[in-house]
């Protein structure tokens, strides 16, 4: 049996080096195939190297560890078992409990040798069991785990300081301000059909118009009512009432047709459970 491959994604070089050294001591058979400096590089490296285990820092530039994991789930080849995910985090206790409840392991910074050994023992057991699983089962397991963590993915990352009293939830966004030349257009949220990330902008599409705004999609997402606006892809959010139908092709991939626009939009694996009745 070939030894497992691991990839570390950590934007602080000293912490990445320290984790790599401790892993070599705790699990000498483990091969560290790469260290990525941010979430985007982590996705590229993981798809190229196909590691068996991912150690993802939560806070990284470009993409968070959760966002990188979500992108990997959607892009991962179906004939290759999806890797085990271990999140390295400075999250407060509430977030740690959320990770723990979903049976996804985590390492709290600063990582200690004793806690890492606990993780390694779990991973060793997982590695033995995975040899009897097919690739599809491993991917479905990762999908279920990330789907259960979606509330955290739609929430701005908190600092690592202890949690204080919770603030009242902000009211959902009612208007989007979009500048066109010297004119500011007030776009009612209820008129939006879908939003799509496009480089440094977000496309705001109504039934008859399109606007570009500079607010990142992830910032808009936390201000939208999740009952009315569904994320169907990491770069696409659709008003649920604007969806006319969802269609699954022969490969199992979903697309949605819209009531007021001619486009069809791809639905990623991570968000397909919203159409689970199909």
C-alpha atoms as a PDB file:
ATOM      1  CA  UNK A   1       0.000   0.000   0.000  1.00  0.00           C
ATOM      2  CA  UNK A   2       1.429   3.380  -1.008  1.00  0.00           C
ATOM      3  CA  UNK A   3       1.823   5.907   1.834  1.00  0.00           C
ATOM      4  CA  UNK A   4      -0.759   8.723   1.970  1.00  0.00           C
ATOM      5  CA  UNK A   5       0.021  12.138   0.502  1.00  0.00           C
ATOM      6  CA  UNK A   6      -0.734  15.342   2.408  1.00  0.00           C
ATOM      7  CA  UNK A   7      -0.988  18.985   1.359  1.00  0.00           C
ATOM      8  CA  UNK A   8      -0.738  21.926   3.758  1.00  0.00           C
ATOM      9  CA  UNK A   9      -2.378  25.277   2.956  1.00  0.00           C
ATOM     10  CA  UNK A  10      -1.101  27.971   5.320  1.00  0.00           C
ATOM     11  CA  UNK A  11      -0.217  31.590   4.524  1.00  0.00           C
ATOM     12  CA  UNK A  12       2.217  31.921   7.437  1.00  0.00           C
ATOM     13  CA  UNK A  13       5.451  30.127   6.384  1.00  0.00           C
ATOM     14  CA  UNK A  14       6.727  29.501   9.906  1.00  0.00           C
ATOM     15  CA  UNK A  15       3.427  27.889  10.960  1.00  0.00           C
ATOM     16  CA  UNK A  16       3.405  25.751   7.794  1.00  0.00           C
ATOM     17  CA  UNK A  17       6.985  24.640   8.438  1.00  0.00           C
ATOM     18  CA  UNK A  18       6.194  23.852  12.074  1.00  0.00           C
ATOM     19  CA  UNK A  19       3.133  21.782  11.145  1.00  0.00           C
ATOM     20  CA  UNK A  20       5.127  19.882   8.516  1.00  0.00           C
ATOM     21  CA  UNK A  21       7.867  19.047  10.995  1.00  0.00           C
ATOM     22  CA  UNK A  22       5.394  17.807  13.596  1.00  0.00           C
ATOM     23  CA  UNK A  23       3.579  15.704  11.002  1.00  0.00           C
ATOM     24  CA  UNK A  24       6.828  13.990  10.000  1.00  0.00           C
ATOM     25  CA  UNK A  25       7.433  13.036  13.623  1.00  0.00           C
ATOM     26  CA  UNK A  26       3.855  11.941  14.343  1.00  0.00           C
ATOM     27  CA  UNK A  27       3.373  10.020  11.086  1.00  0.00           C
ATOM     28  CA  UNK A  28       6.709   9.162   9.432  1.00  0.00           C
ATOM     29  CA  UNK A  29       5.016   7.284   6.558  1.00  0.00           C
ATOM     30  CA  UNK A  30       3.040  10.368   5.524  1.00  0.00           C
ATOM     31  CA  UNK A  31       4.441  12.178   2.466  1.00  0.00           C
ATOM     32  CA  UNK A  32       4.042  15.959   2.338  1.00  0.00           C
ATOM     33  CA  UNK A  33       3.589  16.711  -1.361  1.00  0.00           C
ATOM     34  CA  UNK A  34       3.213  20.503  -1.224  1.00  0.00           C
ATOM     35  CA  UNK A  35       2.683  23.609   0.914  1.00  0.00           C
ATOM     36  CA  UNK A  36       0.310  26.220  -0.557  1.00  0.00           C
ATOM     37  CA  UNK A  37       0.413  29.864   0.516  1.00  0.00           C
ATOM     38  CA  UNK A  38      -3.250  30.670  -0.061  1.00  0.00           C
ATOM     39  CA  UNK A  39      -6.589  29.099  -0.915  1.00  0.00           C
ATOM     40  CA  UNK A  40      -6.297  29.620  -4.669  1.00  0.00           C
ATOM     41  CA  UNK A  41      -2.890  27.953  -4.828  1.00  0.00           C
ATOM     42  CA  UNK A  42      -4.171  25.159  -2.581  1.00  0.00           C
ATOM     43  CA  UNK A  43      -6.959  24.321  -5.037  1.00  0.00           C
ATOM     44  CA  UNK A  44      -4.577  24.315  -7.996  1.00  0.00           C
ATOM     45  CA  UNK A  45      -2.036  22.138  -6.210  1.00  0.00           C
ATOM     46  CA  UNK A  46      -4.629  19.699  -4.877  1.00  0.00           C
ATOM     47  CA  UNK A  47      -6.161  19.163  -8.314  1.00  0.00           C
ATOM     48  CA  UNK A  48      -2.700  18.616  -9.825  1.00  0.00           C
ATOM     49  CA  UNK A  49      -1.264  16.350  -7.108  1.00  0.00           C
ATOM     50  CA  UNK A  50      -4.403  14.548  -5.848  1.00  0.00           C
ATOM     51  CA  UNK A  51      -3.348  14.329  -2.167  1.00  0.00           C
ATOM     52  CA  UNK A  52      -5.098  12.028   0.295  1.00  0.00           C
ATOM     53  CA  UNK A  53      -5.208  14.514   3.195  1.00  0.00           C
ATOM     54  CA  UNK A  54      -5.645  18.305   3.244  1.00  0.00           C
ATOM     55  CA  UNK A  55      -4.592  20.511   6.152  1.00  0.00           C
ATOM     56  CA  UNK A  56      -6.360  23.804   5.353  1.00  0.00           C
ATOM     57  CA  UNK A  57      -5.960  26.992   7.334  1.00  0.00           C
ATOM     58  CA  UNK A  58      -9.318  28.752   7.649  1.00  0.00           C
ATOM     59  CA  UNK A  59      -8.035  32.303   7.242  1.00  0.00           C
ATOM     60  CA  UNK A  60      -6.076  32.657   4.002  1.00  0.00           C
ATOM     61  CA  UNK A  61      -5.819  35.425   1.409  1.00  0.00           C
ATOM     62  CA  UNK A  62      -7.684  34.960  -1.845  1.00  0.00           C
ATOM     63  CA  UNK A  63      -9.898  32.152  -0.578  1.00  0.00           C
ATOM     64  CA  UNK A  64     -10.693  30.861   2.882  1.00  0.00           C
ATOM     65  CA  UNK A  65     -10.077  27.219   3.679  1.00  0.00           C
ATOM     66  CA  UNK A  66     -13.830  26.595   3.530  1.00  0.00           C
ATOM     67  CA  UNK A  67     -14.112  28.239   0.115  1.00  0.00           C
ATOM     68  CA  UNK A  68     -11.141  26.296  -1.206  1.00  0.00           C
ATOM     69  CA  UNK A  69     -12.628  23.025   0.053  1.00  0.00           C
ATOM     70  CA  UNK A  70     -15.977  23.860  -1.551  1.00  0.00           C
ATOM     71  CA  UNK A  71     -14.308  24.576  -4.901  1.00  0.00           C
ATOM     72  CA  UNK A  72     -12.388  21.291  -4.695  1.00  0.00           C
ATOM     73  CA  UNK A  73     -15.556  19.295  -4.046  1.00  0.00           C
ATOM     74  CA  UNK A  74     -17.068  20.704  -7.219  1.00  0.00           C
ATOM     75  CA  UNK A  75     -13.958  20.206  -9.370  1.00  0.00           C
ATOM     76  CA  UNK A  76     -12.689  16.906  -7.964  1.00  0.00           C
ATOM     77  CA  UNK A  77     -12.583  14.017 -10.492  1.00  0.00           C
ATOM     78  CA  UNK A  78     -15.164  11.358  -9.716  1.00  0.00           C
ATOM     79  CA  UNK A  79     -12.717   8.482 -10.242  1.00  0.00           C
ATOM     80  CA  UNK A  80     -10.432   9.668  -7.412  1.00  0.00           C
ATOM     81  CA  UNK A  81     -11.341   9.430  -3.698  1.00  0.00           C
ATOM     82  CA  UNK A  82     -11.778  12.855  -2.150  1.00  0.00           C
ATOM     83  CA  UNK A  83      -9.130  13.670   0.491  1.00  0.00           C
ATOM     84  CA  UNK A  84      -9.715  13.928   4.206  1.00  0.00           C
ATOM     85  CA  UNK A  85     -10.122  17.528   5.388  1.00  0.00           C
ATOM     86  CA  UNK A  86      -8.474  18.856   8.533  1.00  0.00           C
ATOM     87  CA  UNK A  87      -9.039  22.535   9.244  1.00  0.00           C
ATOM     88  CA  UNK A  88      -6.411  24.562  11.092  1.00  0.00           C
ATOM     89  CA  UNK A  89      -8.181  27.380  12.859  1.00  0.00           C
ATOM     90  CA  UNK A  90      -8.055  30.170  15.395  1.00  0.00           C
ATOM     91  CA  UNK A  91     -11.879  30.253  15.491  1.00  0.00           C
ATOM     92  CA  UNK A  92     -13.720  30.903  18.716  1.00  0.00           C
ATOM     93  CA  UNK A  93     -15.249  28.038  20.689  1.00  0.00           C
ATOM     94  CA  UNK A  94     -18.631  28.224  18.977  1.00  0.00           C
ATOM     95  CA  UNK A  95     -17.110  27.592  15.551  1.00  0.00           C
ATOM     96  CA  UNK A  96     -14.922  24.793  16.906  1.00  0.00           C
ATOM     97  CA  UNK A  97     -18.011  23.067  18.274  1.00  0.00           C
ATOM     98  CA  UNK A  98     -19.619  23.340  14.834  1.00  0.00           C
ATOM     99  CA  UNK A  99     -16.651  21.633  13.195  1.00  0.00           C
ATOM    100  CA  UNK A 100     -16.521  18.968  15.888  1.00  0.00           C
ATOM    101  CA  UNK A 101     -20.230  18.192  15.606  1.00  0.00           C
ATOM    102  CA  UNK A 102     -19.862  17.392  11.906  1.00  0.00           C
ATOM    103  CA  UNK A 103     -17.019  14.891  12.492  1.00  0.00           C
ATOM    104  CA  UNK A 104     -14.543  17.061  10.601  1.00  0.00           C
ATOM    105  CA  UNK A 105     -11.310  17.267  12.507  1.00  0.00           C
ATOM    106  CA  UNK A 106      -9.626  20.564  13.299  1.00  0.00           C
ATOM    107  CA  UNK A 107      -6.375  21.790  14.800  1.00  0.00           C
ATOM    108  CA  UNK A 108      -6.491  24.865  16.997  1.00  0.00           C
ATOM    109  CA  UNK A 109      -3.578  27.273  16.658  1.00  0.00           C
ATOM    110  CA  UNK A 110      -0.972  27.048  18.046  1.00  0.00           C
ATOM    111  CA  UNK A 111      -0.914  23.356  17.128  1.00  0.00           C
ATOM    112  CA  UNK A 112       0.431  21.122  19.889  1.00  0.00           C
ATOM    113  CA  UNK A 113       2.116  17.751  19.438  1.00  0.00           C
ATOM    114  CA  UNK A 114      -0.456  16.011  21.652  1.00  0.00           C
ATOM    115  CA  UNK A 115      -3.442  17.371  19.711  1.00  0.00           C
ATOM    116  CA  UNK A 116      -1.778  16.578  16.387  1.00  0.00           C
ATOM    117  CA  UNK A 117      -1.167  13.007  17.514  1.00  0.00           C
ATOM    118  CA  UNK A 118      -4.903  12.675  18.227  1.00  0.00           C
ATOM    119  CA  UNK A 119      -5.638  13.883  14.697  1.00  0.00           C
ATOM    120  CA  UNK A 120      -3.036  11.553  13.195  1.00  0.00           C
ATOM    121  CA  UNK A 121      -4.560   8.554  15.005  1.00  0.00           C
ATOM    122  CA  UNK A 122      -7.966   9.415  13.547  1.00  0.00           C
ATOM    123  CA  UNK A 123      -6.449   9.851  10.107  1.00  0.00           C
ATOM    124  CA  UNK A 124      -4.621   6.529  10.320  1.00  0.00           C
ATOM    125  CA  UNK A 125      -7.926   4.793  11.060  1.00  0.00           C
ATOM    126  CA  UNK A 126      -9.617   6.703   8.243  1.00  0.00           C
ATOM    127  CA  UNK A 127      -6.812   5.777   5.834  1.00  0.00           C
ATOM    128  CA  UNK A 128      -7.218   2.076   6.593  1.00  0.00           C
ATOM    129  CA  UNK A 129     -10.986   2.240   6.149  1.00  0.00           C
ATOM    130  CA  UNK A 130     -10.769   4.271   2.944  1.00  0.00           C
ATOM    131  CA  UNK A 131      -8.974   1.472   1.147  1.00  0.00           C
ATOM    132  CA  UNK A 132     -12.275  -0.421   1.157  1.00  0.00           C
ATOM    133  CA  UNK A 133     -14.325   2.532  -0.151  1.00  0.00           C
ATOM    134  CA  UNK A 134     -14.817   3.565  -3.729  1.00  0.00           C
ATOM    135  CA  UNK A 135     -14.151   7.084  -4.988  1.00  0.00           C
ATOM    136  CA  UNK A 136     -17.843   7.974  -5.164  1.00  0.00           C
ATOM    137  CA  UNK A 137     -18.403   7.179  -1.486  1.00  0.00           C
ATOM    138  CA  UNK A 138     -15.496   9.390  -0.427  1.00  0.00           C
ATOM    139  CA  UNK A 139     -16.779  12.300  -2.510  1.00  0.00           C
ATOM    140  CA  UNK A 140     -20.317  11.956  -1.136  1.00  0.00           C
ATOM    141  CA  UNK A 141     -18.956  11.942   2.423  1.00  0.00           C
ATOM    142  CA  UNK A 142     -17.045  15.179   1.789  1.00  0.00           C
ATOM    143  CA  UNK A 143     -20.130  16.710   0.181  1.00  0.00           C
ATOM    144  CA  UNK A 144     -22.301  15.913   3.212  1.00  0.00           C
ATOM    145  CA  UNK A 145     -19.728  17.368   5.598  1.00  0.00           C
ATOM    146  CA  UNK A 146     -19.363  20.626   3.676  1.00  0.00           C
ATOM    147  CA  UNK A 147     -23.114  20.942   3.220  1.00  0.00           C
ATOM    148  CA  UNK A 148     -23.500  20.744   6.988  1.00  0.00           C
ATOM    149  CA  UNK A 149     -20.947  23.535   7.329  1.00  0.00           C
ATOM    150  CA  UNK A 150     -22.676  25.848   4.838  1.00  0.00           C
ATOM    151  CA  UNK A 151     -24.026  28.179   7.563  1.00  0.00           C
ATOM    152  CA  UNK A 152     -20.406  28.966   8.486  1.00  0.00           C
ATOM    153  CA  UNK A 153     -19.536  29.515   4.826  1.00  0.00           C
ATOM    154  CA  UNK A 154     -22.280  32.158   4.568  1.00  0.00           C
ATOM    155  CA  UNK A 155     -21.090  33.964   7.715  1.00  0.00           C
ATOM    156  CA  UNK A 156     -18.155  36.411   7.865  1.00  0.00           C
ATOM    157  CA  UNK A 157     -15.165  34.856   9.611  1.00  0.00           C
ATOM    158  CA  UNK A 158     -14.905  35.905  13.217  1.00  0.00           C
ATOM    159  CA  UNK A 159     -11.627  36.674  14.923  1.00  0.00           C
ATOM    160  CA  UNK A 160      -9.963  34.171  17.169  1.00  0.00           C
ATOM    161  CA  UNK A 161     -10.840  36.102  20.315  1.00  0.00           C
ATOM    162  CA  UNK A 162     -13.418  34.703  22.747  1.00  0.00           C
ATOM    163  CA  UNK A 163     -16.974  35.278  21.650  1.00  0.00           C
ATOM    164  CA  UNK A 164     -18.834  38.100  23.288  1.00  0.00           C
ATOM    165  CA  UNK A 165     -22.559  38.791  23.420  1.00  0.00           C
ATOM    166  CA  UNK A 166     -24.233  38.116  20.103  1.00  0.00           C
ATOM    167  CA  UNK A 167     -25.498  41.122  18.144  1.00  0.00           C
ATOM    168  CA  UNK A 168     -28.963  41.209  16.602  1.00  0.00           C
ATOM    169  CA  UNK A 169     -29.029  39.849  13.074  1.00  0.00           C
ATOM    170  CA  UNK A 170     -28.981  42.681  10.507  1.00  0.00           C
ATOM    171  CA  UNK A 171     -32.018  43.224   8.331  1.00  0.00           C
ATOM    172  CA  UNK A 172     -31.731  41.670   4.861  1.00  0.00           C
ATOM    173  CA  UNK A 173     -30.567  43.986   2.092  1.00  0.00           C
ATOM    174  CA  UNK A 174     -33.404  45.822   0.310  1.00  0.00           C
ATOM    175  CA  UNK A 175     -31.521  47.842  -2.326  1.00  0.00           C
ATOM    176  CA  UNK A 176     -28.279  47.570  -4.281  1.00  0.00           C
ATOM    177  CA  UNK A 177     -26.595  50.783  -5.428  1.00  0.00           C
ATOM    178  CA  UNK A 178     -25.000  50.453  -8.864  1.00  0.00           C
ATOM    179  CA  UNK A 179     -23.053  53.310 -10.474  1.00  0.00           C
ATOM    180  CA  UNK A 180     -23.198  53.813 -14.245  1.00  0.00           C
ATOM    181  CA  UNK A 181     -21.150  56.848 -15.235  1.00  0.00           C
ATOM    182  CA  UNK A 182     -22.362  59.722 -13.079  1.00  0.00           C
ATOM    183  CA  UNK A 183     -25.664  58.002 -12.269  1.00  0.00           C
ATOM    184  CA  UNK A 184     -26.362  55.814  -9.251  1.00  0.00           C
ATOM    185  CA  UNK A 185     -29.110  53.269  -9.912  1.00  0.00           C
ATOM    186  CA  UNK A 186     -31.121  51.962  -6.962  1.00  0.00           C
ATOM    187  CA  UNK A 187     -31.808  48.325  -7.828  1.00  0.00           C
ATOM    188  CA  UNK A 188     -34.496  46.709  -5.678  1.00  0.00           C
ATOM    189  CA  UNK A 189     -33.325  43.349  -4.365  1.00  0.00           C
ATOM    190  CA  UNK A 190     -36.700  41.844  -5.297  1.00  0.00           C
ATOM    191  CA  UNK A 191     -36.001  42.770  -8.938  1.00  0.00           C
ATOM    192  CA  UNK A 192     -32.703  40.868  -9.033  1.00  0.00           C
ATOM    193  CA  UNK A 193     -32.833  37.570 -10.943  1.00  0.00           C
ATOM    194  CA  UNK A 194     -29.288  36.501 -10.144  1.00  0.00           C
ATOM    195  CA  UNK A 195     -25.838  37.736  -9.121  1.00  0.00           C
ATOM    196  CA  UNK A 196     -22.624  36.455 -10.645  1.00  0.00           C
ATOM    197  CA  UNK A 197     -19.002  37.060  -9.670  1.00  0.00           C
ATOM    198  CA  UNK A 198     -16.932  38.413 -12.588  1.00  0.00           C
ATOM    199  CA  UNK A 199     -13.258  39.197 -11.877  1.00  0.00           C
ATOM    200  CA  UNK A 200     -13.226  42.234  -9.559  1.00  0.00           C
ATOM    201  CA  UNK A 201     -16.931  42.912 -10.063  1.00  0.00           C
ATOM    202  CA  UNK A 202     -20.307  41.316  -9.443  1.00  0.00           C
ATOM    203  CA  UNK A 203     -22.867  41.260 -12.245  1.00  0.00           C
ATOM    204  CA  UNK A 204     -26.335  42.208 -10.985  1.00  0.00           C
ATOM    205  CA  UNK A 205     -28.968  40.992 -13.434  1.00  0.00           C
ATOM    206  CA  UNK A 206     -32.616  41.926 -13.425  1.00  0.00           C
ATOM    207  CA  UNK A 207     -35.163  40.795 -16.023  1.00  0.00           C
ATOM    208  CA  UNK A 208     -34.143  43.537 -18.457  1.00  0.00           C
ATOM    209  CA  UNK A 209     -30.922  45.129 -17.205  1.00  0.00           C
ATOM    210  CA  UNK A 210     -27.390  44.342 -16.064  1.00  0.00           C
ATOM    211  CA  UNK A 211     -25.217  46.330 -13.669  1.00  0.00           C
ATOM    212  CA  UNK A 212     -21.668  45.922 -12.373  1.00  0.00           C
ATOM    213  CA  UNK A 213     -20.823  46.620  -8.745  1.00  0.00           C
ATOM    214  CA  UNK A 214     -17.525  46.354  -6.858  1.00  0.00           C
ATOM    215  CA  UNK A 215     -18.880  44.762  -3.671  1.00  0.00           C
ATOM    216  CA  UNK A 216     -17.552  41.170  -3.487  1.00  0.00           C
ATOM    217  CA  UNK A 217     -20.170  38.455  -3.812  1.00  0.00           C
ATOM    218  CA  UNK A 218     -19.296  37.006  -0.409  1.00  0.00           C
ATOM    219  CA  UNK A 219     -20.086  40.379   1.208  1.00  0.00           C
ATOM    220  CA  UNK A 220     -23.413  40.631  -0.597  1.00  0.00           C
ATOM    221  CA  UNK A 221     -24.314  37.068   0.269  1.00  0.00           C
ATOM    222  CA  UNK A 222     -24.332  37.650   4.025  1.00  0.00           C
ATOM    223  CA  UNK A 223     -26.726  40.597   3.538  1.00  0.00           C
ATOM    224  CA  UNK A 224     -29.273  38.643   1.502  1.00  0.00           C
ATOM    225  CA  UNK A 225     -32.177  36.626   2.878  1.00  0.00           C
ATOM    226  CA  UNK A 226     -31.082  32.970   2.486  1.00  0.00           C
ATOM    227  CA  UNK A 227     -34.702  31.902   2.037  1.00  0.00           C
ATOM    228  CA  UNK A 228     -35.081  34.132  -0.996  1.00  0.00           C
ATOM    229  CA  UNK A 229     -31.570  33.915  -2.454  1.00  0.00           C
ATOM    230  CA  UNK A 230     -29.933  30.550  -3.082  1.00  0.00           C
ATOM    231  CA  UNK A 231     -26.291  30.058  -3.798  1.00  0.00           C
ATOM    232  CA  UNK A 232     -26.095  27.525  -6.632  1.00  0.00           C
ATOM    233  CA  UNK A 233     -22.378  27.862  -7.386  1.00  0.00           C
ATOM    234  CA  UNK A 234     -19.439  29.459  -5.619  1.00  0.00           C
ATOM    235  CA  UNK A 235     -19.807  32.422  -8.004  1.00  0.00           C
ATOM    236  CA  UNK A 236     -23.575  32.477  -8.544  1.00  0.00           C
ATOM    237  CA  UNK A 237     -26.530  33.431  -6.334  1.00  0.00           C
ATOM    238  CA  UNK A 238     -30.104  33.172  -7.672  1.00  0.00           C
ATOM    239  CA  UNK A 239     -33.393  34.553  -6.390  1.00  0.00           C
ATOM    240  CA  UNK A 240     -35.361  31.364  -5.713  1.00  0.00           C
ATOM    241  CA  UNK A 241     -38.611  32.816  -7.055  1.00  0.00           C
ATOM    242  CA  UNK A 242     -36.841  33.472 -10.356  1.00  0.00           C
ATOM    243  CA  UNK A 243     -36.031  29.787 -10.945  1.00  0.00           C
ATOM    244  CA  UNK A 244     -38.383  28.193 -13.475  1.00  0.00           C
ATOM    245  CA  UNK A 245     -36.967  24.651 -13.447  1.00  0.00           C
ATOM    246  CA  UNK A 246     -33.917  22.521 -12.694  1.00  0.00           C
ATOM    247  CA  UNK A 247     -32.650  19.880 -15.089  1.00  0.00           C
ATOM    248  CA  UNK A 248     -30.263  17.004 -14.411  1.00  0.00           C
ATOM    249  CA  UNK A 249     -28.239  15.692 -17.376  1.00  0.00           C
ATOM    250  CA  UNK A 250     -27.010  12.143 -17.999  1.00  0.00           C
ATOM    251  CA  UNK A 251     -23.876  12.746 -15.899  1.00  0.00           C
ATOM    252  CA  UNK A 252     -25.945  13.909 -12.912  1.00  0.00           C
ATOM    253  CA  UNK A 253     -25.033  17.596 -13.268  1.00  0.00           C
ATOM    254  CA  UNK A 254     -27.750  20.161 -12.601  1.00  0.00           C
ATOM    255  CA  UNK A 255     -28.618  23.375 -14.421  1.00  0.00           C
ATOM    256  CA  UNK A 256     -31.426  25.817 -13.656  1.00  0.00           C
ATOM    257  CA  UNK A 257     -33.597  27.721 -16.128  1.00  0.00           C
ATOM    258  CA  UNK A 258     -34.859  31.175 -15.177  1.00  0.00           C
ATOM    259  CA  UNK A 259     -38.328  32.696 -15.496  1.00  0.00           C
ATOM    260  CA  UNK A 260     -37.260  36.138 -16.675  1.00  0.00           C
ATOM    261  CA  UNK A 261     -33.936  35.573 -18.432  1.00  0.00           C
ATOM    262  CA  UNK A 262     -32.771  33.201 -21.197  1.00  0.00           C
ATOM    263  CA  UNK A 263     -29.584  31.963 -19.483  1.00  0.00           C
ATOM    264  CA  UNK A 264     -29.235  28.570 -17.850  1.00  0.00           C
ATOM    265  CA  UNK A 265     -27.009  28.446 -14.772  1.00  0.00           C
ATOM    266  CA  UNK A 266     -24.822  25.576 -13.596  1.00  0.00           C
ATOM    267  CA  UNK A 267     -25.436  24.147 -10.103  1.00  0.00           C
ATOM    268  CA  UNK A 268     -22.322  22.842  -8.366  1.00  0.00           C
ATOM    269  CA  UNK A 269     -22.229  19.577  -6.431  1.00  0.00           C
ATOM    270  CA  UNK A 270     -22.074  21.398  -3.118  1.00  0.00           C
ATOM    271  CA  UNK A 271     -25.389  23.196  -3.647  1.00  0.00           C
ATOM    272  CA  UNK A 272     -27.301  20.485  -5.527  1.00  0.00           C
ATOM    273  CA  UNK A 273     -29.054  19.307  -2.336  1.00  0.00           C
ATOM    274  CA  UNK A 274     -31.400  22.307  -2.679  1.00  0.00           C
ATOM    275  CA  UNK A 275     -32.972  20.345  -5.517  1.00  0.00           C
ATOM    276  CA  UNK A 276     -32.847  16.954  -3.770  1.00  0.00           C
ATOM    277  CA  UNK A 277     -36.500  16.166  -4.550  1.00  0.00           C
ATOM    278  CA  UNK A 278     -35.534  15.699  -8.196  1.00  0.00           C
END
